[in-house]
Amino acid sequence: QVQLVESGGGLVQAGDSLRLSCAASGLTFSDYAMGWFRQTPGKEREFVATIRWRGSSTYYADSVKGRFTISRDNAKNTVYLQMNSLKPEDTAVYYCAANRLFRTMNYEYDYWGQGTQVTVSS
């Protein structure tokens, strides 16, 4: 059974940093590209960042480019999202997801975590 478990969310002030982690089990982690998405109430889940199987390529939403960094450690079956210079509009539930291709659309992802709340106060 595939499990993706996010951690690291919390309440921070604008300008602060957070690092999210997502631990994967039940799949061959290095066979999957990993992504981070986020969602606020009443809105569609939106793409944040994705990273290829061995971390050779990454891709970011324009809204986070230059502030967020996605990385992975295949030895630990874990993907990270380093979030710097956080803004109130980054407030959302953040989800990690796995797919076999390097994609940005949520419907293209096979497995999802339960999410972790990030709240940025102004």
PDB file of N, CA and C in Angstrom:
ATOM      1  N   GLN A   1       0.843  -1.186   0.000  1.00  0.00           N
ATOM      2  CA  GLN A   1       0.000   0.000   0.000  1.00  0.00           C
ATOM      3  C   GLN A   1       0.886   1.247   0.000  1.00  0.00           C
ATOM      4  N   VAL A   2       0.627   2.113  -0.954  1.00  0.00           N
ATOM      5  CA  VAL A   2       1.413   3.332  -1.067  1.00  0.00           C
ATOM      6  C   VAL A   2       0.962   4.348  -0.013  1.00  0.00           C
ATOM      7  N   GLN A   3       1.930   4.923   0.662  1.00  0.00           N
ATOM      8  CA  GLN A   3       1.635   5.989   1.626  1.00  0.00           C
ATOM      9  C   GLN A   3       2.581   7.152   1.394  1.00  0.00           C
ATOM     10  N   LEU A   4       2.018   8.345   1.391  1.00  0.00           N
ATOM     11  CA  LEU A   4       2.788   9.583   1.352  1.00  0.00           C
ATOM     12  C   LEU A   4       2.374  10.385   2.587  1.00  0.00           C
ATOM     13  N   VAL A   5       3.331  10.722   3.414  1.00  0.00           N
ATOM     14  CA  VAL A   5       3.030  11.399   4.672  1.00  0.00           C
ATOM     15  C   VAL A   5       3.805  12.714   4.742  1.00  0.00           C
ATOM     16  N   GLU A   6       3.046  13.813   4.713  1.00  0.00           N
ATOM     17  CA  GLU A   6       3.658  15.138   4.786  1.00  0.00           C
ATOM     18  C   GLU A   6       3.862  15.565   6.242  1.00  0.00           C
ATOM     19  N   SER A   7       4.854  16.404   6.448  1.00  0.00           N
ATOM     20  CA  SER A   7       5.097  16.990   7.767  1.00  0.00           C
ATOM     21  C   SER A   7       5.809  18.321   7.584  1.00  0.00           C
ATOM     22  N   GLY A   8       5.836  19.111   8.653  1.00  0.00           N
ATOM     23  CA  GLY A   8       6.583  20.355   8.633  1.00  0.00           C
ATOM     24  C   GLY A   8       5.759  21.613   8.505  1.00  0.00           C
ATOM     25  N   GLY A   9       4.452  21.465   8.348  1.00  0.00           N
ATOM     26  CA  GLY A   9       3.611  22.652   8.253  1.00  0.00           C
ATOM     27  C   GLY A   9       3.509  23.352   9.592  1.00  0.00           C
ATOM     28  N   GLY A  10       2.916  24.535   9.559  1.00  0.00           N
ATOM     29  CA  GLY A  10       2.745  25.279  10.796  1.00  0.00           C
ATOM     30  C   GLY A  10       2.327  26.701  10.545  1.00  0.00           C
ATOM     31  N   LEU A  11       2.346  27.491  11.620  1.00  0.00           N
ATOM     32  CA  LEU A  11       1.990  28.904  11.569  1.00  0.00           C
ATOM     33  C   LEU A  11       3.267  29.727  11.645  1.00  0.00           C
ATOM     34  N   VAL A  12       3.474  30.588  10.648  1.00  0.00           N
ATOM     35  CA  VAL A  12       4.659  31.433  10.612  1.00  0.00           C
ATOM     36  C   VAL A  12       4.243  32.841  10.225  1.00  0.00           C
ATOM     37  N   GLN A  13       5.192  33.757  10.343  1.00  0.00           N
ATOM     38  CA  GLN A  13       4.933  35.129   9.930  1.00  0.00           C
ATOM     39  C   GLN A  13       5.463  35.359   8.514  1.00  0.00           C
ATOM     40  N   ALA A  14       4.930  36.364   7.881  1.00  0.00           N
ATOM     41  CA  ALA A  14       5.399  36.728   6.541  1.00  0.00           C
ATOM     42  C   ALA A  14       6.902  36.980   6.573  1.00  0.00           C
ATOM     43  N   GLY A  15       7.587  36.431   5.569  1.00  0.00           N
ATOM     44  CA  GLY A  15       9.030  36.555   5.494  1.00  0.00           C
ATOM     45  C   GLY A  15       9.784  35.389   6.090  1.00  0.00           C
ATOM     46  N   ASP A  16       9.099  34.574   6.857  1.00  0.00           N
ATOM     47  CA  ASP A  16       9.739  33.409   7.478  1.00  0.00           C
ATOM     48  C   ASP A  16       9.915  32.278   6.477  1.00  0.00           C
ATOM     49  N   SER A  17      10.556  31.214   6.943  1.00  0.00           N
ATOM     50  CA  SER A  17      10.788  30.022   6.125  1.00  0.00           C
ATOM     51  C   SER A  17      10.210  28.789   6.802  1.00  0.00           C
ATOM     52  N   LEU A  18       9.880  27.809   5.985  1.00  0.00           N
ATOM     53  CA  LEU A  18       9.453  26.497   6.457  1.00  0.00           C
ATOM     54  C   LEU A  18       9.991  25.455   5.498  1.00  0.00           C
ATOM     55  N   ARG A  19      10.242  24.261   6.011  1.00  0.00           N
ATOM     56  CA  ARG A  19      10.592  23.146   5.142  1.00  0.00           C
ATOM     57  C   ARG A  19       9.595  22.023   5.356  1.00  0.00           C
ATOM     58  N   LEU A  20       8.909  21.675   4.281  1.00  0.00           N
ATOM     59  CA  LEU A  20       7.997  20.549   4.306  1.00  0.00           C
ATOM     60  C   LEU A  20       8.732  19.286   3.881  1.00  0.00           C
ATOM     61  N   SER A  21       8.316  18.176   4.466  1.00  0.00           N
ATOM     62  CA  SER A  21       8.859  16.874   4.088  1.00  0.00           C
ATOM     63  C   SER A  21       7.716  15.959   3.707  1.00  0.00           C
ATOM     64  N   CYS A  22       8.005  15.003   2.858  1.00  0.00           N
ATOM     65  CA  CYS A  22       7.021  13.996   2.474  1.00  0.00           C
ATOM     66  C   CYS A  22       7.747  12.661   2.395  1.00  0.00           C
ATOM     67  N   ALA A  23       7.381  11.777   3.306  1.00  0.00           N
ATOM     68  CA  ALA A  23       7.993  10.451   3.348  1.00  0.00           C
ATOM     69  C   ALA A  23       7.110   9.463   2.608  1.00  0.00           C
ATOM     70  N   ALA A  24       7.704   8.727   1.693  1.00  0.00           N
ATOM     71  CA  ALA A  24       6.968   7.787   0.855  1.00  0.00           C
ATOM     72  C   ALA A  24       7.294   6.356   1.241  1.00  0.00           C
ATOM     73  N   SER A  25       6.304   5.485   1.130  1.00  0.00           N
ATOM     74  CA  SER A  25       6.491   4.056   1.353  1.00  0.00           C
ATOM     75  C   SER A  25       5.540   3.300   0.448  1.00  0.00           C
ATOM     76  N   GLY A  26       5.873   2.029   0.196  1.00  0.00           N
ATOM     77  CA  GLY A  26       5.006   1.196  -0.611  1.00  0.00           C
ATOM     78  C   GLY A  26       5.176   1.358  -2.107  1.00  0.00           C
ATOM     79  N   LEU A  27       6.196   2.116  -2.516  1.00  0.00           N
ATOM     80  CA  LEU A  27       6.477   2.270  -3.944  1.00  0.00           C
ATOM     81  C   LEU A  27       7.978   2.380  -4.139  1.00  0.00           C
ATOM     82  N   THR A  28       8.419   2.127  -5.359  1.00  0.00           N
ATOM     83  CA  THR A  28       9.834   2.311  -5.680  1.00  0.00           C
ATOM     84  C   THR A  28      10.035   3.792  -5.936  1.00  0.00           C
ATOM     85  N   PHE A  29      10.482   4.483  -4.911  1.00  0.00           N
ATOM     86  CA  PHE A  29      10.475   5.945  -4.904  1.00  0.00           C
ATOM     87  C   PHE A  29      11.214   6.532  -6.099  1.00  0.00           C
ATOM     88  N   SER A  30      12.339   5.945  -6.445  1.00  0.00           N
ATOM     89  CA  SER A  30      13.158   6.502  -7.524  1.00  0.00           C
ATOM     90  C   SER A  30      12.530   6.318  -8.900  1.00  0.00           C
ATOM     91  N   ASP A  31      11.427   5.562  -8.982  1.00  0.00           N
ATOM     92  CA  ASP A  31      10.701   5.409 -10.246  1.00  0.00           C
ATOM     93  C   ASP A  31       9.680   6.513 -10.470  1.00  0.00           C
ATOM     94  N   TYR A  32       9.497   7.351  -9.471  1.00  0.00           N
ATOM     95  CA  TYR A  32       8.428   8.344  -9.509  1.00  0.00           C
ATOM     96  C   TYR A  32       8.970   9.765  -9.468  1.00  0.00           C
ATOM     97  N   ALA A  33       8.408  10.614 -10.326  1.00  0.00           N
ATOM     98  CA  ALA A  33       8.565  12.044 -10.148  1.00  0.00           C
ATOM     99  C   ALA A  33       7.642  12.453  -9.004  1.00  0.00           C
ATOM    100  N   MET A  34       8.043  13.457  -8.275  1.00  0.00           N
ATOM    101  CA  MET A  34       7.265  13.906  -7.117  1.00  0.00           C
ATOM    102  C   MET A  34       6.856  15.356  -7.300  1.00  0.00           C
ATOM    103  N   GLY A  35       5.696  15.665  -6.758  1.00  0.00           N
ATOM    104  CA  GLY A  35       5.212  17.029  -6.869  1.00  0.00           C
ATOM    105  C   GLY A  35       4.639  17.534  -5.569  1.00  0.00           C
ATOM    106  N   TRP A  36       4.576  18.853  -5.469  1.00  0.00           N
ATOM    107  CA  TRP A  36       3.888  19.516  -4.367  1.00  0.00           C
ATOM    108  C   TRP A  36       2.761  20.352  -4.968  1.00  0.00           C
ATOM    109  N   PHE A  37       1.615  20.281  -4.331  1.00  0.00           N
ATOM    110  CA  PHE A  37       0.453  21.063  -4.696  1.00  0.00           C
ATOM    111  C   PHE A  37      -0.068  21.753  -3.441  1.00  0.00           C
ATOM    112  N   ARG A  38      -0.950  22.724  -3.634  1.00  0.00           N
ATOM    113  CA  ARG A  38      -1.564  23.365  -2.479  1.00  0.00           C
ATOM    114  C   ARG A  38      -3.007  23.717  -2.787  1.00  0.00           C
ATOM    115  N   GLN A  39      -3.789  23.854  -1.724  1.00  0.00           N
ATOM    116  CA  GLN A  39      -5.214  24.116  -1.908  1.00  0.00           C
ATOM    117  C   GLN A  39      -5.738  24.960  -0.762  1.00  0.00           C
ATOM    118  N   THR A  40      -6.548  25.935  -1.116  1.00  0.00           N
ATOM    119  CA  THR A  40      -7.261  26.740  -0.135  1.00  0.00           C
ATOM    120  C   THR A  40      -8.748  26.473  -0.295  1.00  0.00           C
ATOM    121  N   PRO A  41      -9.533  26.715   0.746  1.00  0.00           N
ATOM    122  CA  PRO A  41     -10.973  26.408   0.680  1.00  0.00           C
ATOM    123  C   PRO A  41     -11.651  27.091  -0.503  1.00  0.00           C
ATOM    124  N   GLY A  42     -12.432  26.302  -1.224  1.00  0.00           N
ATOM    125  CA  GLY A  42     -13.203  26.834  -2.337  1.00  0.00           C
ATOM    126  C   GLY A  42     -12.421  26.995  -3.628  1.00  0.00           C
ATOM    127  N   LYS A  43     -11.147  26.608  -3.597  1.00  0.00           N
ATOM    128  CA  LYS A  43     -10.333  26.734  -4.804  1.00  0.00           C
ATOM    129  C   LYS A  43      -9.823  25.375  -5.250  1.00  0.00           C
ATOM    130  N   GLU A  44      -9.437  25.320  -6.525  1.00  0.00           N
ATOM    131  CA  GLU A  44      -8.869  24.087  -7.063  1.00  0.00           C
ATOM    132  C   GLU A  44      -7.474  23.878  -6.478  1.00  0.00           C
ATOM    133  N   ARG A  45      -7.094  22.611  -6.409  1.00  0.00           N
ATOM    134  CA  ARG A  45      -5.742  22.291  -5.980  1.00  0.00           C
ATOM    135  C   ARG A  45      -4.769  22.772  -7.069  1.00  0.00           C
ATOM    136  N   GLU A  46      -3.768  23.550  -6.664  1.00  0.00           N
ATOM    137  CA  GLU A  46      -2.879  24.129  -7.658  1.00  0.00           C
ATOM    138  C   GLU A  46      -1.465  23.574  -7.540  1.00  0.00           C
ATOM    139  N   PHE A  47      -0.818  23.502  -8.682  1.00  0.00           N
ATOM    140  CA  PHE A  47       0.545  23.011  -8.774  1.00  0.00           C
ATOM    141  C   PHE A  47       1.508  23.991  -8.125  1.00  0.00           C
ATOM    142  N   VAL A  48       2.500  23.450  -7.419  1.00  0.00           N
ATOM    143  CA  VAL A  48       3.533  24.285  -6.807  1.00  0.00           C
ATOM    144  C   VAL A  48       4.900  23.974  -7.410  1.00  0.00           C
ATOM    145  N   ALA A  49       5.291  22.690  -7.386  1.00  0.00           N
ATOM    146  CA  ALA A  49       6.625  22.322  -7.867  1.00  0.00           C
ATOM    147  C   ALA A  49       6.665  20.828  -8.142  1.00  0.00           C
ATOM    148  N   THR A  50       7.598  20.431  -9.014  1.00  0.00           N
ATOM    149  CA  THR A  50       7.800  19.026  -9.287  1.00  0.00           C
ATOM    150  C   THR A  50       9.271  18.742  -9.518  1.00  0.00           C
ATOM    151  N   ILE A  51       9.676  17.507  -9.305  1.00  0.00           N
ATOM    152  CA  ILE A  51      11.068  17.119  -9.446  1.00  0.00           C
ATOM    153  C   ILE A  51      11.128  15.740 -10.091  1.00  0.00           C
ATOM    154  N   ARG A  52      12.081  15.595 -11.007  1.00  0.00           N
ATOM    155  CA  ARG A  52      12.234  14.324 -11.706  1.00  0.00           C
ATOM    156  C   ARG A  52      12.754  13.223 -10.793  1.00  0.00           C
ATOM    157  N   TRP A  53      12.808  12.038 -11.342  1.00  0.00           N
ATOM    158  CA  TRP A  53      13.089  10.834 -10.573  1.00  0.00           C
ATOM    159  C   TRP A  53      14.389  10.910  -9.781  1.00  0.00           C
ATOM    160  N   ARG A  54      15.444  11.405 -10.400  1.00  0.00           N
ATOM    161  CA  ARG A  54      16.727  11.499  -9.708  1.00  0.00           C
ATOM    162  C   ARG A  54      17.082  12.925  -9.338  1.00  0.00           C
ATOM    163  N   GLY A  55      16.115  13.815  -9.478  1.00  0.00           N
ATOM    164  CA  GLY A  55      16.330  15.203  -9.094  1.00  0.00           C
ATOM    165  C   GLY A  55      17.053  16.032 -10.133  1.00  0.00           C
ATOM    166  N   SER A  56      17.181  15.512 -11.337  1.00  0.00           N
ATOM    167  CA  SER A  56      17.947  16.211 -12.364  1.00  0.00           C
ATOM    168  C   SER A  56      17.221  17.427 -12.909  1.00  0.00           C
ATOM    169  N   SER A  57      15.904  17.434 -12.792  1.00  0.00           N
ATOM    170  CA  SER A  57      15.133  18.571 -13.287  1.00  0.00           C
ATOM    171  C   SER A  57      14.048  18.932 -12.288  1.00  0.00           C
ATOM    172  N   THR A  58      13.778  20.205 -12.204  1.00  0.00           N
ATOM    173  CA  THR A  58      12.699  20.714 -11.370  1.00  0.00           C
ATOM    174  C   THR A  58      11.893  21.735 -12.171  1.00  0.00           C
ATOM    175  N   TYR A  59      10.679  21.970 -11.711  1.00  0.00           N
ATOM    176  CA  TYR A  59       9.824  22.951 -12.374  1.00  0.00           C
ATOM    177  C   TYR A  59       8.916  23.561 -11.327  1.00  0.00           C
ATOM    178  N   TYR A  60       8.696  24.880 -11.435  1.00  0.00           N
ATOM    179  CA  TYR A  60       7.952  25.605 -10.400  1.00  0.00           C
ATOM    180  C   TYR A  60       6.822  26.431 -11.000  1.00  0.00           C
ATOM    181  N   ALA A  61       5.796  26.619 -10.203  1.00  0.00           N
ATOM    182  CA  ALA A  61       4.785  27.598 -10.548  1.00  0.00           C
ATOM    183  C   ALA A  61       5.408  28.987 -10.473  1.00  0.00           C
ATOM    184  N   ASP A  62       4.943  29.890 -11.306  1.00  0.00           N
ATOM    185  CA  ASP A  62       5.498  31.245 -11.320  1.00  0.00           C
ATOM    186  C   ASP A  62       5.366  31.916  -9.953  1.00  0.00           C
ATOM    187  N   SER A  63       4.302  31.598  -9.250  1.00  0.00           N
ATOM    188  CA  SER A  63       4.021  32.261  -7.975  1.00  0.00           C
ATOM    189  C   SER A  63       5.037  31.933  -6.884  1.00  0.00           C
ATOM    190  N   VAL A  64       5.793  30.844  -7.060  1.00  0.00           N
ATOM    191  CA  VAL A  64       6.753  30.437  -6.022  1.00  0.00           C
ATOM    192  C   VAL A  64       8.194  30.432  -6.533  1.00  0.00           C
ATOM    193  N   LYS A  65       8.373  30.653  -7.808  1.00  0.00           N
ATOM    194  CA  LYS A  65       9.706  30.586  -8.392  1.00  0.00           C
ATOM    195  C   LYS A  65      10.628  31.588  -7.709  1.00  0.00           C
ATOM    196  N   GLY A  66      11.818  31.121  -7.339  1.00  0.00           N
ATOM    197  CA  GLY A  66      12.784  31.979  -6.663  1.00  0.00           C
ATOM    198  C   GLY A  66      12.632  32.001  -5.155  1.00  0.00           C
ATOM    199  N   ARG A  67      11.517  31.490  -4.650  1.00  0.00           N
ATOM    200  CA  ARG A  67      11.291  31.457  -3.188  1.00  0.00           C
ATOM    201  C   ARG A  67      11.250  30.035  -2.645  1.00  0.00           C
ATOM    202  N   PHE A  68      10.719  29.107  -3.440  1.00  0.00           N
ATOM    203  CA  PHE A  68      10.577  27.713  -3.012  1.00  0.00           C
ATOM    204  C   PHE A  68      11.594  26.855  -3.757  1.00  0.00           C
ATOM    205  N   THR A  69      12.052  25.799  -3.084  1.00  0.00           N
ATOM    206  CA  THR A  69      12.965  24.839  -3.701  1.00  0.00           C
ATOM    207  C   THR A  69      12.513  23.426  -3.372  1.00  0.00           C
ATOM    208  N   ILE A  70      12.319  22.632  -4.413  1.00  0.00           N
ATOM    209  CA  ILE A  70      11.973  21.233  -4.230  1.00  0.00           C
ATOM    210  C   ILE A  70      13.242  20.400  -4.356  1.00  0.00           C
ATOM    211  N   SER A  71      13.364  19.377  -3.517  1.00  0.00           N
ATOM    212  CA  SER A  71      14.511  18.477  -3.573  1.00  0.00           C
ATOM    213  C   SER A  71      14.053  17.101  -3.119  1.00  0.00           C
ATOM    214  N   ARG A  72      14.898  16.124  -3.319  1.00  0.00           N
ATOM    215  CA  ARG A  72      14.549  14.771  -2.911  1.00  0.00           C
ATOM    216  C   ARG A  72      15.790  14.027  -2.465  1.00  0.00           C
ATOM    217  N   ASP A  73      15.565  13.048  -1.600  1.00  0.00           N
ATOM    218  CA  ASP A  73      16.617  12.147  -1.149  1.00  0.00           C
ATOM    219  C   ASP A  73      16.098  10.738  -1.389  1.00  0.00           C
ATOM    220  N   ASN A  74      16.539  10.126  -2.468  1.00  0.00           N
ATOM    221  CA  ASN A  74      16.018   8.801  -2.828  1.00  0.00           C
ATOM    222  C   ASN A  74      16.444   7.734  -1.828  1.00  0.00           C
ATOM    223  N   ALA A  75      17.541   7.955  -1.130  1.00  0.00           N
ATOM    224  CA  ALA A  75      17.968   6.993  -0.105  1.00  0.00           C
ATOM    225  C   ALA A  75      17.018   6.995   1.089  1.00  0.00           C
ATOM    226  N   LYS A  76      16.342   8.115   1.301  1.00  0.00           N
ATOM    227  CA  LYS A  76      15.403   8.244   2.417  1.00  0.00           C
ATOM    228  C   LYS A  76      13.958   8.215   1.967  1.00  0.00           C
ATOM    229  N   ASN A  77      13.729   8.039   0.678  1.00  0.00           N
ATOM    230  CA  ASN A  77      12.358   8.024   0.130  1.00  0.00           C
ATOM    231  C   ASN A  77      11.581   9.269   0.560  1.00  0.00           C
ATOM    232  N   THR A  78      12.229  10.398   0.458  1.00  0.00           N
ATOM    233  CA  THR A  78      11.639  11.634   0.958  1.00  0.00           C
ATOM    234  C   THR A  78      11.831  12.765  -0.053  1.00  0.00           C
ATOM    235  N   VAL A  79      10.797  13.563  -0.190  1.00  0.00           N
ATOM    236  CA  VAL A  79      10.863  14.779  -0.997  1.00  0.00           C
ATOM    237  C   VAL A  79      10.613  15.962  -0.073  1.00  0.00           C
ATOM    238  N   TYR A  80      11.277  17.060  -0.371  1.00  0.00           N
ATOM    239  CA  TYR A  80      11.210  18.249   0.476  1.00  0.00           C
ATOM    240  C   TYR A  80      10.713  19.452  -0.317  1.00  0.00           C
ATOM    241  N   LEU A  81      10.168  20.402   0.408  1.00  0.00           N
ATOM    242  CA  LEU A  81       9.847  21.699  -0.173  1.00  0.00           C
ATOM    243  C   LEU A  81      10.336  22.766   0.788  1.00  0.00           C
ATOM    244  N   GLN A  82      11.426  23.418   0.429  1.00  0.00           N
ATOM    245  CA  GLN A  82      11.945  24.532   1.208  1.00  0.00           C
ATOM    246  C   GLN A  82      11.237  25.792   0.771  1.00  0.00           C
ATOM    247  N   MET A  83      10.569  26.447   1.695  1.00  0.00           N
ATOM    248  CA  MET A  83       9.786  27.628   1.392  1.00  0.00           C
ATOM    249  C   MET A  83      10.377  28.821   2.125  1.00  0.00           C
ATOM    250  N   ASN A  84      10.878  29.772   1.373  1.00  0.00           N
ATOM    251  CA  ASN A  84      11.467  30.984   1.933  1.00  0.00           C
ATOM    252  C   ASN A  84      10.624  32.198   1.578  1.00  0.00           C
ATOM    253  N   SER A  85      10.847  33.271   2.306  1.00  0.00           N
ATOM    254  CA  SER A  85      10.137  34.533   2.042  1.00  0.00           C
ATOM    255  C   SER A  85       8.633  34.296   1.911  1.00  0.00           C
ATOM    256  N   LEU A  86       8.088  33.602   2.858  1.00  0.00           N
ATOM    257  CA  LEU A  86       6.674  33.240   2.788  1.00  0.00           C
ATOM    258  C   LEU A  86       5.783  34.472   2.839  1.00  0.00           C
ATOM    259  N   LYS A  87       4.673  34.372   2.122  1.00  0.00           N
ATOM    260  CA  LYS A  87       3.693  35.448   2.033  1.00  0.00           C
ATOM    261  C   LYS A  87       2.344  34.934   2.542  1.00  0.00           C
ATOM    262  N   PRO A  88       1.480  35.829   2.977  1.00  0.00           N
ATOM    263  CA  PRO A  88       0.148  35.375   3.419  1.00  0.00           C
ATOM    264  C   PRO A  88      -0.591  34.579   2.335  1.00  0.00           C
ATOM    265  N   GLU A  89      -0.369  34.916   1.074  1.00  0.00           N
ATOM    266  CA  GLU A  89      -1.059  34.193   0.000  1.00  0.00           C
ATOM    267  C   GLU A  89      -0.515  32.786  -0.206  1.00  0.00           C
ATOM    268  N   ASP A  90       0.549  32.412   0.497  1.00  0.00           N
ATOM    269  CA  ASP A  90       1.027  31.033   0.465  1.00  0.00           C
ATOM    270  C   ASP A  90       0.254  30.143   1.438  1.00  0.00           C
ATOM    271  N   THR A  91      -0.611  30.737   2.237  1.00  0.00           N
ATOM    272  CA  THR A  91      -1.411  29.965   3.180  1.00  0.00           C
ATOM    273  C   THR A  91      -2.278  28.960   2.431  1.00  0.00           C
ATOM    274  N   ALA A  92      -2.171  27.689   2.808  1.00  0.00           N
ATOM    275  CA  ALA A  92      -2.895  26.616   2.130  1.00  0.00           C
ATOM    276  C   ALA A  92      -2.582  25.297   2.811  1.00  0.00           C
ATOM    277  N   VAL A  93      -3.310  24.281   2.426  1.00  0.00           N
ATOM    278  CA  VAL A  93      -2.917  22.907   2.739  1.00  0.00           C
ATOM    279  C   VAL A  93      -2.008  22.443   1.606  1.00  0.00           C
ATOM    280  N   TYR A  94      -0.845  21.947   1.979  1.00  0.00           N
ATOM    281  CA  TYR A  94       0.140  21.502   1.002  1.00  0.00           C
ATOM    282  C   TYR A  94       0.134  19.977   0.933  1.00  0.00           C
ATOM    283  N   TYR A  95       0.083  19.485  -0.301  1.00  0.00           N
ATOM    284  CA  TYR A  95       0.043  18.052  -0.551  1.00  0.00           C
ATOM    285  C   TYR A  95       1.250  17.631  -1.367  1.00  0.00           C
ATOM    286  N   CYS A  96       1.803  16.478  -1.057  1.00  0.00           N
ATOM    287  CA  CYS A  96       2.780  15.890  -1.962  1.00  0.00           C
ATOM    288  C   CYS A  96       2.077  14.792  -2.757  1.00  0.00           C
ATOM    289  N   ALA A  97       2.629  14.505  -3.918  1.00  0.00           N
ATOM    290  CA  ALA A  97       2.022  13.544  -4.818  1.00  0.00           C
ATOM    291  C   ALA A  97       3.099  12.877  -5.660  1.00  0.00           C
ATOM    292  N   ALA A  98       2.766  11.677  -6.150  1.00  0.00           N
ATOM    293  CA  ALA A  98       3.718  10.907  -6.948  1.00  0.00           C
ATOM    294  C   ALA A  98       3.111  10.545  -8.290  1.00  0.00           C
ATOM    295  N   ASN A  99       3.930  10.623  -9.322  1.00  0.00           N
ATOM    296  CA  ASN A  99       3.499  10.155 -10.642  1.00  0.00           C
ATOM    297  C   ASN A  99       4.718   9.670 -11.410  1.00  0.00           C
ATOM    298  N   ARG A 100       4.483   8.840 -12.407  1.00  0.00           N
ATOM    299  CA  ARG A 100       5.607   8.242 -13.131  1.00  0.00           C
ATOM    300  C   ARG A 100       6.180   9.177 -14.195  1.00  0.00           C
ATOM    301  N   LEU A 101       5.465  10.264 -14.459  1.00  0.00           N
ATOM    302  CA  LEU A 101       5.914  11.208 -15.480  1.00  0.00           C
ATOM    303  C   LEU A 101       6.163  12.559 -14.824  1.00  0.00           C
ATOM    304  N   PHE A 102       6.827  13.415 -15.498  1.00  0.00           N
ATOM    305  CA  PHE A 102       7.190  14.741 -14.997  1.00  0.00           C
ATOM    306  C   PHE A 102       6.085  15.700 -15.403  1.00  0.00           C
ATOM    307  N   ARG A 103       5.077  15.853 -14.521  1.00  0.00           N
ATOM    308  CA  ARG A 103       3.859  16.549 -14.891  1.00  0.00           C
ATOM    309  C   ARG A 103       3.481  17.623 -13.890  1.00  0.00           C
ATOM    310  N   THR A 104       2.569  18.500 -14.300  1.00  0.00           N
ATOM    311  CA  THR A 104       2.140  19.596 -13.426  1.00  0.00           C
ATOM    312  C   THR A 104       0.650  19.602 -13.151  1.00  0.00           C
ATOM    313  N   MET A 105      -0.121  18.724 -13.785  1.00  0.00           N
ATOM    314  CA  MET A 105      -1.565  18.702 -13.581  1.00  0.00           C
ATOM    315  C   MET A 105      -1.929  17.697 -12.513  1.00  0.00           C
ATOM    316  N   ASN A 106      -2.821  18.095 -11.604  1.00  0.00           N
ATOM    317  CA  ASN A 106      -3.090  17.209 -10.463  1.00  0.00           C
ATOM    318  C   ASN A 106      -3.713  15.893 -10.895  1.00  0.00           C
ATOM    319  N   TYR A 107      -4.486  15.875 -11.993  1.00  0.00           N
ATOM    320  CA  TYR A 107      -5.126  14.633 -12.402  1.00  0.00           C
ATOM    321  C   TYR A 107      -4.140  13.614 -12.973  1.00  0.00           C
ATOM    322  N   GLU A 108      -2.924  14.056 -13.215  1.00  0.00           N
ATOM    323  CA  GLU A 108      -1.913  13.160 -13.756  1.00  0.00           C
ATOM    324  C   GLU A 108      -1.119  12.443 -12.661  1.00  0.00           C
ATOM    325  N   TYR A 109      -1.443  12.729 -11.421  1.00  0.00           N
ATOM    326  CA  TYR A 109      -0.709  12.124 -10.306  1.00  0.00           C
ATOM    327  C   TYR A 109      -1.462  10.911  -9.773  1.00  0.00           C
ATOM    328  N   ASP A 110      -0.684   9.882  -9.414  1.00  0.00           N
ATOM    329  CA  ASP A 110      -1.260   8.598  -9.026  1.00  0.00           C
ATOM    330  C   ASP A 110      -1.548   8.504  -7.537  1.00  0.00           C
ATOM    331  N   TYR A 111      -0.680   9.069  -6.738  1.00  0.00           N
ATOM    332  CA  TYR A 111      -0.787   8.921  -5.280  1.00  0.00           C
ATOM    333  C   TYR A 111      -0.653  10.280  -4.603  1.00  0.00           C
ATOM    334  N   TRP A 112      -1.396  10.423  -3.502  1.00  0.00           N
ATOM    335  CA  TRP A 112      -1.438  11.687  -2.771  1.00  0.00           C
ATOM    336  C   TRP A 112      -1.290  11.459  -1.276  1.00  0.00           C
ATOM    337  N   GLY A 113      -0.667  12.439  -0.618  1.00  0.00           N
ATOM    338  CA  GLY A 113      -0.653  12.462   0.835  1.00  0.00           C
ATOM    339  C   GLY A 113      -1.908  13.124   1.380  1.00  0.00           C
ATOM    340  N   GLN A 114      -1.983  13.202   2.699  1.00  0.00           N
ATOM    341  CA  GLN A 114      -3.154  13.774   3.361  1.00  0.00           C
ATOM    342  C   GLN A 114      -3.052  15.287   3.513  1.00  0.00           C
ATOM    343  N   GLY A 115      -1.890  15.835   3.337  1.00  0.00           N
ATOM    344  CA  GLY A 115      -1.723  17.278   3.392  1.00  0.00           C
ATOM    345  C   GLY A 115      -1.231  17.776   4.743  1.00  0.00           C
ATOM    346  N   THR A 116      -0.595  18.938   4.699  1.00  0.00           N
ATOM    347  CA  THR A 116      -0.142  19.612   5.918  1.00  0.00           C
ATOM    348  C   THR A 116      -0.468  21.103   5.779  1.00  0.00           C
ATOM    349  N   GLN A 117      -0.992  21.676   6.837  1.00  0.00           N
ATOM    350  CA  GLN A 117      -1.430  23.064   6.798  1.00  0.00           C
ATOM    351  C   GLN A 117      -0.256  24.016   6.984  1.00  0.00           C
ATOM    352  N   VAL A 118      -0.194  25.000   6.105  1.00  0.00           N
ATOM    353  CA  VAL A 118       0.762  26.106   6.230  1.00  0.00           C
ATOM    354  C   VAL A 118      -0.045  27.391   6.332  1.00  0.00           C
ATOM    355  N   THR A 119       0.196  28.129   7.397  1.00  0.00           N
ATOM    356  CA  THR A 119      -0.492  29.396   7.596  1.00  0.00           C
ATOM    357  C   THR A 119       0.552  30.491   7.784  1.00  0.00           C
ATOM    358  N   VAL A 120       0.444  31.530   6.951  1.00  0.00           N
ATOM    359  CA  VAL A 120       1.386  32.646   6.999  1.00  0.00           C
ATOM    360  C   VAL A 120       0.623  33.896   7.410  1.00  0.00           C
ATOM    361  N   SER A 121       0.988  34.443   8.555  1.00  0.00           N
ATOM    362  CA  SER A 121       0.301  35.647   9.035  1.00  0.00           C
ATOM    363  C   SER A 121       1.050  36.895   8.564  1.00  0.00           C
ATOM    364  N   SER A 122       0.291  37.953   8.395  1.00  0.00           N
ATOM    365  CA  SER A 122       0.898  39.207   7.897  1.00  0.00           C
ATOM    366  C   SER A 122       1.405  40.071   9.039  1.00  0.00           C
TER     367      SER A 122
END
